[in-house]
Protein backbone atom coordinates (compact mmCIF):
# COMPACT_ATOMS: atom_id res chain seq x y z
CA MET A 1 -49.89 -34.52 -85.41
CA ALA A 2 -49.96 -33.91 -89.18
CA VAL A 3 -50.41 -30.40 -90.60
CA ARG A 4 -50.01 -28.98 -94.09
CA ALA A 5 -46.93 -26.93 -94.92
CA ALA A 6 -44.95 -25.49 -97.82
CA VAL A 7 -41.69 -27.44 -97.95
CA LEU A 8 -38.52 -26.33 -99.75
CA PRO A 9 -36.93 -29.71 -100.65
CA ALA A 10 -33.67 -28.22 -101.98
CA ILE A 11 -32.16 -24.86 -102.94
CA GLY A 12 -33.58 -23.82 -106.28
CA ALA A 13 -36.39 -26.38 -106.17
CA PRO A 14 -40.08 -25.39 -106.22
CA LEU A 15 -42.01 -25.37 -102.97
CA GLU A 16 -44.19 -28.40 -102.29
CA ILE A 17 -47.46 -28.24 -100.35
CA THR A 18 -47.52 -31.41 -98.31
CA GLY A 19 -48.33 -32.90 -94.93
CA ILE A 20 -45.70 -32.88 -92.18
CA GLU A 21 -45.57 -34.49 -88.76
CA LEU A 22 -45.29 -31.80 -86.11
CA PRO A 23 -44.38 -32.93 -82.57
CA ASP A 24 -45.82 -31.61 -79.34
CA PRO A 25 -43.80 -28.75 -77.84
CA GLY A 26 -40.88 -29.80 -75.66
CA PRO A 27 -39.35 -27.84 -72.77
CA GLY A 28 -39.03 -24.17 -73.67
CA GLN A 29 -41.14 -24.53 -76.80
CA VAL A 30 -44.49 -23.20 -78.01
CA ARG A 31 -46.92 -24.58 -80.58
CA VAL A 32 -48.76 -21.92 -82.60
CA ARG A 33 -51.74 -22.16 -84.95
CA LEU A 34 -51.00 -19.61 -87.68
CA ALA A 35 -53.60 -16.99 -88.56
CA ALA A 36 -51.46 -15.57 -91.36
CA ALA A 37 -47.92 -15.38 -92.69
CA GLY A 38 -46.25 -12.92 -95.03
CA VAL A 39 -44.54 -13.88 -98.30
CA CYS A 40 -41.83 -11.50 -99.47
CA HIS A 41 -38.53 -11.36 -101.35
CA SER A 42 -36.53 -12.39 -98.29
CA ASP A 43 -38.19 -15.80 -98.60
CA LEU A 44 -37.25 -15.81 -102.27
CA SER A 45 -33.63 -15.14 -101.24
CA LEU A 46 -33.79 -18.34 -99.18
CA THR A 47 -35.12 -20.46 -102.04
CA ASP A 48 -32.46 -19.33 -104.52
CA GLY A 49 -29.51 -19.54 -102.12
CA THR A 50 -28.82 -15.82 -101.72
CA MET A 51 -29.33 -16.45 -98.01
CA ARG A 52 -28.39 -19.98 -96.95
CA VAL A 53 -30.56 -22.23 -94.79
CA PRO A 54 -30.40 -25.98 -94.13
CA VAL A 55 -32.80 -27.94 -96.34
CA PRO A 56 -35.30 -29.52 -96.60
CA ALA A 57 -37.02 -26.70 -94.75
CA VAL A 58 -40.34 -25.04 -94.11
CA LEU A 59 -39.88 -21.34 -94.83
CA GLY A 60 -41.86 -18.32 -93.66
CA HIS A 61 -40.24 -15.84 -91.32
CA GLU A 62 -43.12 -13.57 -90.34
CA GLY A 63 -46.38 -14.71 -88.91
CA ALA A 64 -48.94 -14.42 -86.14
CA GLY A 65 -51.45 -16.74 -84.61
CA THR A 66 -52.79 -18.43 -81.48
CA VAL A 67 -50.86 -20.49 -78.96
CA VAL A 68 -52.10 -24.10 -79.00
CA ALA A 69 -49.81 -25.59 -76.37
CA VAL A 70 -46.68 -24.76 -74.40
CA GLY A 71 -43.84 -26.90 -73.14
CA GLU A 72 -42.34 -27.09 -69.69
CA GLY A 73 -40.89 -23.86 -68.39
CA VAL A 74 -42.82 -21.50 -70.68
CA THR A 75 -44.56 -18.83 -68.61
CA HIS A 76 -44.86 -15.66 -70.71
CA VAL A 77 -47.62 -17.08 -72.96
CA SER A 78 -50.32 -19.70 -72.47
CA PRO A 79 -52.76 -21.59 -74.71
CA GLY A 80 -55.25 -19.24 -76.35
CA ALA A 81 -52.89 -16.24 -76.37
CA LEU A 82 -52.44 -14.27 -79.58
CA VAL A 83 -48.78 -13.96 -80.53
CA VAL A 84 -46.39 -12.58 -83.15
CA LEU A 85 -43.46 -14.70 -84.29
CA ASN A 86 -39.95 -13.28 -83.97
CA TRP A 87 -37.59 -14.94 -86.46
CA ALA A 88 -34.41 -13.46 -84.94
CA PRO A 89 -34.57 -13.87 -81.15
CA SER A 90 -31.58 -12.48 -79.27
CA CYS A 91 -29.61 -14.70 -76.92
CA GLY A 92 -28.77 -11.89 -74.48
CA GLY A 93 -25.22 -13.11 -73.92
CA CYS A 94 -23.16 -12.67 -77.11
CA HIS A 95 -21.00 -9.60 -77.73
CA ALA A 96 -23.64 -7.79 -79.80
CA CYS A 97 -26.36 -8.43 -77.23
CA THR A 98 -24.20 -7.12 -74.39
CA LEU A 99 -23.76 -3.93 -76.43
CA GLY A 100 -27.55 -3.63 -76.78
CA GLU A 101 -27.40 -4.43 -80.51
CA VAL A 102 -29.80 -7.35 -80.30
CA TRP A 103 -30.53 -7.24 -84.05
CA LEU A 104 -26.93 -8.42 -84.62
CA CYS A 105 -27.13 -11.34 -82.18
CA ALA A 106 -24.54 -13.95 -83.15
CA ASN A 107 -26.84 -16.79 -82.08
CA ALA A 108 -30.16 -15.53 -83.44
CA LEU A 109 -30.39 -18.08 -86.26
CA ASN A 110 -28.98 -21.10 -84.47
CA GLY A 111 -32.43 -22.67 -84.36
CA ALA A 112 -32.61 -22.82 -88.16
CA ALA A 113 -30.24 -25.79 -88.06
CA ASP A 114 -32.51 -27.78 -85.74
CA VAL A 115 -34.79 -30.58 -86.87
CA TYR A 116 -38.23 -29.42 -85.80
CA ALA A 117 -40.55 -31.72 -87.78
CA ARG A 118 -40.56 -34.53 -90.34
CA THR A 119 -42.30 -35.31 -93.58
CA VAL A 120 -44.78 -38.15 -93.55
CA ASP A 121 -42.03 -40.48 -94.86
CA GLY A 122 -39.72 -39.51 -91.99
CA THR A 123 -37.42 -36.99 -93.72
CA ALA A 124 -36.04 -34.43 -91.24
CA LEU A 125 -37.20 -30.83 -91.73
CA HIS A 126 -35.56 -27.59 -90.61
CA PRO A 127 -37.54 -24.49 -89.55
CA GLY A 128 -36.32 -22.00 -92.18
CA LEU A 129 -35.54 -18.80 -90.31
CA ASN A 130 -36.45 -20.36 -86.95
CA VAL A 131 -40.23 -20.09 -87.16
CA ALA A 132 -41.46 -22.04 -90.24
CA ALA A 133 -44.54 -19.90 -90.72
CA PHE A 134 -45.56 -21.41 -94.08
CA ALA A 135 -47.63 -24.04 -92.31
CA GLU A 136 -50.97 -24.39 -90.60
CA GLU A 137 -49.15 -24.81 -87.28
CA THR A 138 -45.55 -24.55 -86.10
CA VAL A 139 -43.46 -25.37 -83.03
CA VAL A 140 -40.91 -22.73 -82.07
CA SER A 141 -38.62 -21.76 -79.25
CA ALA A 142 -40.39 -19.67 -76.63
CA SER A 143 -37.93 -16.87 -77.43
CA CYS A 144 -39.49 -16.66 -80.91
CA VAL A 145 -42.92 -15.79 -79.50
CA LEU A 146 -44.04 -12.31 -78.49
CA PRO A 147 -47.48 -11.54 -77.03
CA LEU A 148 -49.59 -9.58 -79.50
CA PRO A 149 -50.71 -6.26 -77.98
CA GLU A 150 -54.46 -5.72 -77.83
CA GLY A 151 -56.29 -4.06 -80.68
CA VAL A 152 -54.33 -5.50 -83.62
CA PRO A 153 -56.04 -8.22 -85.70
CA PRO A 154 -53.84 -11.34 -85.79
CA VAL A 155 -54.01 -11.60 -89.59
CA ASP A 156 -52.63 -8.08 -90.00
CA ALA A 157 -50.18 -8.63 -87.14
CA ALA A 158 -48.22 -11.15 -89.23
CA LEU A 159 -46.61 -8.22 -91.07
CA LEU A 160 -45.30 -6.76 -87.82
CA GLY A 161 -42.89 -9.67 -87.51
CA CYS A 162 -40.51 -8.48 -90.22
CA ALA A 163 -41.60 -5.99 -92.90
CA VAL A 164 -42.94 -3.33 -90.57
CA LEU A 165 -40.21 -3.72 -87.94
CA THR A 166 -37.62 -3.48 -90.71
CA GLY A 167 -39.07 -0.46 -92.52
CA TYR A 168 -39.94 1.39 -89.34
CA GLY A 169 -36.59 0.62 -87.73
CA ALA A 170 -34.62 1.65 -90.80
CA VAL A 171 -36.13 5.12 -90.55
CA HIS A 172 -36.31 5.57 -86.77
CA HIS A 173 -33.31 3.57 -85.53
CA SER A 174 -30.77 3.19 -88.33
CA ALA A 175 -31.19 6.51 -90.17
CA GLY A 176 -32.61 8.42 -87.19
CA VAL A 177 -34.86 10.64 -89.30
CA ARG A 178 -35.67 13.90 -87.52
CA PRO A 179 -38.69 16.21 -87.96
CA GLY A 180 -38.32 18.43 -91.00
CA GLU A 181 -35.73 16.27 -92.77
CA THR A 182 -36.15 15.06 -96.34
CA VAL A 183 -36.21 11.34 -97.14
CA ALA A 184 -36.05 9.16 -100.26
CA VAL A 185 -37.18 5.53 -100.18
CA PHE A 186 -35.94 3.27 -102.98
CA GLY A 187 -38.22 0.29 -103.61
CA VAL A 188 -41.94 0.42 -102.91
CA GLY A 189 -42.50 -3.13 -101.73
CA GLY A 190 -43.69 -4.15 -98.28
CA VAL A 191 -40.62 -2.84 -96.46
CA GLY A 192 -40.53 0.31 -98.58
CA LEU A 193 -44.18 1.07 -97.85
CA ALA A 194 -43.49 0.62 -94.15
CA ALA A 195 -40.50 2.96 -94.47
CA LEU A 196 -42.63 5.60 -96.20
CA GLN A 197 -45.18 5.48 -93.38
CA ALA A 198 -42.37 5.61 -90.83
CA ALA A 199 -40.90 8.69 -92.50
CA ARG A 200 -44.30 10.36 -92.28
CA LEU A 201 -44.55 9.41 -88.59
CA ALA A 202 -41.07 10.86 -88.03
CA GLY A 203 -42.23 14.23 -89.39
CA ALA A 204 -40.22 14.26 -92.62
CA SER A 205 -40.98 17.39 -94.65
CA ARG A 206 -40.53 15.79 -98.05
CA ILE A 207 -40.72 12.06 -98.80
CA VAL A 208 -39.68 10.86 -102.24
CA ALA A 209 -40.64 7.32 -103.31
CA VAL A 210 -38.58 5.68 -106.06
CA ASP A 211 -39.56 2.53 -107.93
CA VAL A 212 -39.31 0.98 -111.40
CA SER A 213 -43.10 0.60 -111.63
CA PRO A 214 -45.38 3.54 -112.43
CA GLY A 215 -48.28 1.53 -111.04
CA LYS A 216 -47.06 1.93 -107.47
CA GLU A 217 -47.35 5.71 -107.33
CA GLU A 218 -50.86 5.88 -105.90
CA LEU A 219 -50.02 3.43 -103.13
CA ALA A 220 -46.74 5.20 -102.35
CA ARG A 221 -48.52 8.54 -101.99
CA ALA A 222 -51.15 6.94 -99.77
CA ALA A 223 -48.32 5.70 -97.54
CA GLY A 224 -46.90 9.20 -97.17
CA ALA A 225 -44.82 10.00 -100.27
CA THR A 226 -44.99 13.63 -101.35
CA ASP A 227 -43.22 12.87 -104.63
CA TYR A 228 -42.82 9.84 -106.88
CA VAL A 229 -39.85 9.21 -109.17
CA LEU A 230 -39.54 6.39 -111.69
CA ALA A 231 -36.16 4.75 -111.27
CA SER A 232 -33.71 5.58 -114.04
CA ALA A 233 -30.15 6.75 -114.58
CA ASP A 234 -31.45 10.28 -113.89
CA THR A 235 -32.97 9.49 -110.49
CA PRO A 236 -30.29 11.25 -108.37
CA ARG A 237 -30.54 14.33 -110.56
CA GLU A 238 -34.34 14.37 -110.25
CA ILE A 239 -34.17 14.05 -106.47
CA ARG A 240 -31.65 16.86 -106.20
CA ALA A 241 -33.97 19.02 -108.33
CA LEU A 242 -36.77 18.37 -105.81
CA THR A 243 -34.56 19.39 -102.88
CA GLY A 244 -32.99 22.68 -103.93
CA ARG A 245 -30.11 20.87 -105.68
CA GLN A 246 -28.94 19.51 -102.34
CA GLY A 247 -30.20 15.94 -102.22
CA VAL A 248 -32.23 14.40 -99.43
CA ASP A 249 -31.04 14.20 -95.83
CA VAL A 250 -31.71 10.45 -95.76
CA SER A 251 -31.98 7.73 -98.41
CA VAL A 252 -33.38 4.31 -97.50
CA GLU A 253 -32.65 1.57 -100.05
CA CYS A 254 -35.04 -1.39 -99.88
CA ALA A 255 -34.30 -3.29 -103.10
CA GLY A 256 -30.84 -4.75 -102.48
CA ARG A 257 -29.56 -3.97 -105.99
CA ALA A 258 -26.22 -2.38 -106.75
CA VAL A 259 -27.72 0.20 -109.10
CA SER A 260 -30.30 1.36 -106.55
CA ILE A 261 -27.77 1.44 -103.69
CA ARG A 262 -25.54 3.63 -105.81
CA ALA A 263 -28.49 5.84 -106.78
CA ALA A 264 -29.56 6.16 -103.14
CA TRP A 265 -26.01 7.25 -102.23
CA GLU A 266 -25.90 9.83 -105.02
CA SER A 267 -29.34 11.16 -104.05
CA THR A 268 -28.21 11.96 -100.51
CA ARG A 269 -26.95 15.45 -99.69
CA ARG A 270 -23.43 16.18 -98.61
CA GLY A 271 -23.19 14.98 -95.01
CA GLY A 272 -26.42 12.98 -95.29
CA ARG A 273 -27.18 9.36 -94.39
CA THR A 274 -27.78 6.41 -96.70
CA THR A 275 -29.23 3.26 -95.14
CA VAL A 276 -29.26 -0.03 -97.06
CA VAL A 277 -32.06 -2.39 -96.05
CA GLY A 278 -32.38 -4.54 -99.17
CA ILE A 279 -30.73 -7.97 -99.23
CA GLY A 280 -28.62 -8.31 -102.37
CA GLY A 281 -26.52 -11.18 -103.65
CA LYS A 282 -22.73 -11.34 -103.74
CA ASP A 283 -22.85 -10.49 -107.43
CA GLN A 284 -24.26 -7.03 -106.62
CA GLN A 285 -21.00 -5.08 -106.41
CA VAL A 286 -21.16 -1.38 -105.45
CA THR A 287 -18.08 0.78 -106.05
CA PHE A 288 -16.99 4.17 -104.69
CA ASN A 289 -13.82 6.12 -105.29
CA ALA A 290 -11.78 7.44 -102.39
CA LEU A 291 -12.19 11.08 -103.33
CA GLU A 292 -16.00 11.03 -103.35
CA ILE A 293 -16.12 9.36 -99.96
CA PHE A 294 -14.05 12.22 -98.57
CA HIS A 295 -15.78 15.00 -100.50
CA TRP A 296 -19.41 14.08 -99.85
CA GLY A 297 -18.98 13.20 -96.19
CA ARG A 298 -21.99 10.90 -96.36
CA THR A 299 -22.66 8.01 -94.01
CA LEU A 300 -23.44 4.66 -95.66
CA SER A 301 -24.74 1.98 -93.31
CA GLY A 302 -26.23 -1.47 -93.47
CA CYS A 303 -29.41 -2.25 -91.58
CA VAL A 304 -30.39 -5.65 -90.17
CA TYR A 305 -34.02 -6.17 -89.13
CA GLY A 306 -34.39 -2.38 -88.95
CA ASN A 307 -31.87 -2.28 -86.08
CA SER A 308 -34.95 -3.12 -84.04
CA ASP A 309 -35.57 -4.77 -80.71
CA PRO A 310 -38.91 -6.55 -81.30
CA ALA A 311 -39.79 -6.68 -77.60
CA ARG A 312 -39.34 -2.92 -77.36
CA ASP A 313 -40.73 -1.87 -80.74
CA LEU A 314 -43.74 -4.16 -81.15
CA PRO A 315 -45.89 -2.30 -78.56
CA VAL A 316 -44.98 1.02 -80.22
CA LEU A 317 -46.01 -0.24 -83.65
CA ALA A 318 -49.21 -1.74 -82.24
CA ALA A 319 -50.14 1.64 -80.76
CA HIS A 320 -49.65 3.28 -84.17
CA VAL A 321 -51.89 0.62 -85.74
CA ARG A 322 -54.63 0.99 -83.12
CA GLU A 323 -54.67 4.77 -83.42
CA GLY A 324 -54.78 4.74 -87.23
CA ARG A 325 -51.32 6.15 -87.89
CA LEU A 326 -49.98 2.94 -89.43
CA ASP A 327 -51.91 1.03 -92.09
CA LEU A 328 -50.80 -2.58 -92.44
CA SER A 329 -53.29 -3.47 -95.18
CA MET A 330 -51.50 -1.41 -97.82
CA LEU A 331 -48.40 -3.59 -97.50
CA VAL A 332 -50.20 -6.56 -99.10
CA THR A 333 -50.58 -7.01 -102.85
CA GLU A 334 -52.71 -10.14 -102.62
CA ARG A 335 -54.13 -12.54 -100.06
CA ILE A 336 -53.71 -16.22 -100.78
CA GLY A 337 -54.14 -19.59 -99.15
CA LEU A 338 -51.38 -22.10 -98.48
CA GLU A 339 -51.82 -23.60 -101.95
CA GLY A 340 -51.07 -20.23 -103.54
CA ILE A 341 -47.49 -19.99 -102.26
CA PRO A 342 -45.76 -21.79 -105.18
CA ALA A 343 -47.49 -19.53 -107.72
CA ALA A 344 -46.63 -16.45 -105.66
CA PHE A 345 -42.95 -17.45 -105.74
CA GLU A 346 -43.05 -18.10 -109.49
CA ASN A 347 -44.48 -14.62 -110.00
CA MET A 348 -41.73 -13.08 -107.87
CA LEU A 349 -39.08 -14.96 -109.84
CA ALA A 350 -40.59 -13.58 -113.04
CA GLY A 351 -40.64 -10.06 -111.61
CA LYS A 352 -44.43 -9.94 -111.73
CA GLY A 353 -45.36 -10.60 -108.12
CA GLY A 354 -45.74 -8.35 -105.14
CA ARG A 355 -46.10 -9.06 -101.48
CA SER A 356 -48.57 -11.80 -100.55
CA LEU A 357 -50.21 -12.60 -97.24
CA ILE A 358 -51.11 -16.22 -96.56
CA VAL A 359 -54.35 -16.43 -94.65
CA PHE A 360 -54.98 -19.80 -93.02
């Protein structure tokens, strides 16, 4: 059956909106009609080669929709069920999974190398980060499908699949923010806005948002920021001034740039925690000298997928959404259709775009 999709023909090439031939689900597979999919800088990192995927591919790593059909052996969802796509399903058997660190599963992205569909001329297509959400419909492994808890609109639920799990998990799981602690969030994009809301939910006493754009202040404050700092060489000094010259207990870096990682580190108090969420390229080199590592006693940690377990955390996030404590709508800069994806990517490349939500 033919559906429309956004195809990445090669690394560095523009996306093409075209028809693809999508097969019926085989054993252990699920076919999903997308309600919405998120477009963010992680997808941009796939198009420019910062993160490598087999091509040609259909990208899109966060989405939600309705099950159309299931293959043999699938029992946890059935046609008509609302679901959220999980781009990094854990295998349960690798070393990381046996340690309970499912977000580091060694086999999570194996499916990205599969051929899951073909163009109308027969060219094999790969499913991006497993789920290929930039399409009207997709066929995924059953492990990539999670039932959507009641009370969350499927269009909004698309953002739960990555941005919200990542921002929430960075604060609650990786950094372990405790009530009364102070927090700085660097980068007020979709993940940063989720992190700001998560810091508020964690009971942080002061939440400083940092971004290069003055136009994001109102949104950052609506998400929970008590203070807003424009990113500059003076950012660490400004944050220390806001926190009794100590620095914040926790910094969460969501931009993936060497300068902001370094600033986040310098903004953290002695003995504090700095969590890096942003995905930077190999050219983004961050340096520290041995003496400062000893003297400041800070913890610097990476964070993959918010150190989250989607099966465990999705119901928690859904409860926050239902009860009005978590606002998914503020994570979206614009809502577009499938045809708007190429322009959204061009805007991101030019530094003008924000986070888009594709509504099918």
